[in-house]
Amino acid sequence: MTLLENYGFQKWVMAFEEINKKHGGPFDRGGADFYYHRPFDPHYWPEGTGHGTRVEQKDMTLAEQTEYFLGWTQQVEQKVWD
């Protein structure tokens, strides 16, 4: 069952709008990893990218892992390396 089938489109849209999209957060890191062709590796930086301690997947909540996944899947462009 997909996320949309499980929660319904309207609930999904409402949940998506509440995602923390701050720089360094799980959603931001998922999108950046996809954009730069990096491997799928859920993580985030609570104090902003590269600052403080990186939080690894094993220490992330299910909600944080889901935010990373959504960031990864919502990013549609990828860097073109010339």
Protein backbone atom coordinates (compact mmCIF):
# COMPACT_ATOMS: atom_id res chain seq x y z
CA MET A 1 0.00 0.00 0.00
CA THR A 2 1.42 3.38 -0.98
CA LEU A 3 1.49 6.48 1.20
CA LEU A 4 -1.34 7.98 -0.86
CA GLU A 5 -3.48 4.86 -0.62
CA ASN A 6 -2.88 4.59 3.11
CA TYR A 7 -3.63 8.19 4.07
CA GLY A 8 -5.53 9.58 1.13
CA PHE A 9 -4.42 12.46 -1.05
CA GLN A 10 -5.85 15.29 1.07
CA LYS A 11 -4.22 14.02 4.26
CA TRP A 12 -0.94 13.56 2.38
CA VAL A 13 -1.01 17.16 1.12
CA MET A 14 -1.72 18.45 4.64
CA ALA A 15 1.12 16.35 6.07
CA PHE A 16 3.51 17.49 3.32
CA GLU A 17 2.81 21.13 4.11
CA GLU A 18 3.83 20.53 7.73
CA ILE A 19 7.22 18.98 6.89
CA ASN A 20 10.18 20.86 8.30
CA LYS A 21 12.05 22.04 5.21
CA LYS A 22 14.80 23.94 7.04
CA HIS A 23 18.37 23.84 5.74
CA GLY A 24 20.08 20.73 7.06
CA GLY A 25 16.83 18.99 8.01
CA PRO A 26 15.90 15.52 6.74
CA PHE A 27 13.76 16.81 3.84
CA ASP A 28 16.52 19.19 2.73
CA ARG A 29 19.22 16.50 2.94
CA GLY A 30 17.13 13.98 0.99
CA GLY A 31 16.61 16.46 -1.81
CA ALA A 32 20.26 17.49 -1.84
CA ASP A 33 21.49 13.90 -1.91
CA PHE A 34 19.28 13.13 -4.91
CA TYR A 35 20.23 16.37 -6.69
CA TYR A 36 23.97 15.70 -6.33
CA HIS A 37 23.67 12.00 -7.30
CA ARG A 38 24.65 10.85 -3.82
CA PRO A 39 23.41 7.50 -2.50
CA PHE A 40 20.17 7.23 -0.53
CA ASP A 41 21.48 7.68 3.03
CA PRO A 42 18.93 9.10 5.51
CA HIS A 43 20.54 11.65 7.83
CA TYR A 44 20.29 15.29 8.83
CA TRP A 45 22.12 18.11 10.59
CA PRO A 46 20.03 19.68 13.41
CA GLU A 47 22.16 22.84 13.44
CA GLY A 48 22.30 23.22 9.65
CA THR A 49 24.28 21.32 7.04
CA GLY A 50 27.82 20.65 8.17
CA HIS A 51 27.28 22.17 11.62
CA GLY A 52 27.05 20.28 14.89
CA THR A 53 26.60 16.52 14.89
CA ARG A 54 25.20 14.63 11.92
CA VAL A 55 22.23 12.45 12.91
CA GLU A 56 22.42 9.03 11.24
CA GLN A 57 19.45 6.90 10.16
CA LYS A 58 19.74 4.61 13.20
CA ASP A 59 19.11 7.64 15.43
CA MET A 60 16.26 9.13 13.36
CA THR A 61 12.57 8.78 14.13
CA LEU A 62 10.27 7.23 11.55
CA ALA A 63 8.90 10.72 10.82
CA GLU A 64 12.42 12.07 10.17
CA GLN A 65 13.21 9.12 7.90
CA THR A 66 9.97 9.76 6.03
CA GLU A 67 10.90 13.43 5.59
CA TYR A 68 14.25 12.38 4.10
CA PHE A 69 12.46 9.96 1.75
CA LEU A 70 10.01 12.67 0.67
CA GLY A 71 12.86 15.10 0.05
CA TRP A 72 14.57 12.47 -2.08
CA THR A 73 11.43 11.66 -4.08
CA GLN A 74 10.18 15.24 -4.49
CA GLN A 75 13.45 16.43 -6.05
CA VAL A 76 12.97 16.15 -9.81
CA GLU A 77 16.16 17.77 -11.09
CA GLN A 78 19.70 16.52 -10.80
CA LYS A 79 22.95 18.38 -11.17
CA VAL A 80 24.48 18.12 -14.63
CA TRP A 81 28.23 17.77 -14.31
CA ASP A 82 29.94 19.38 -17.31
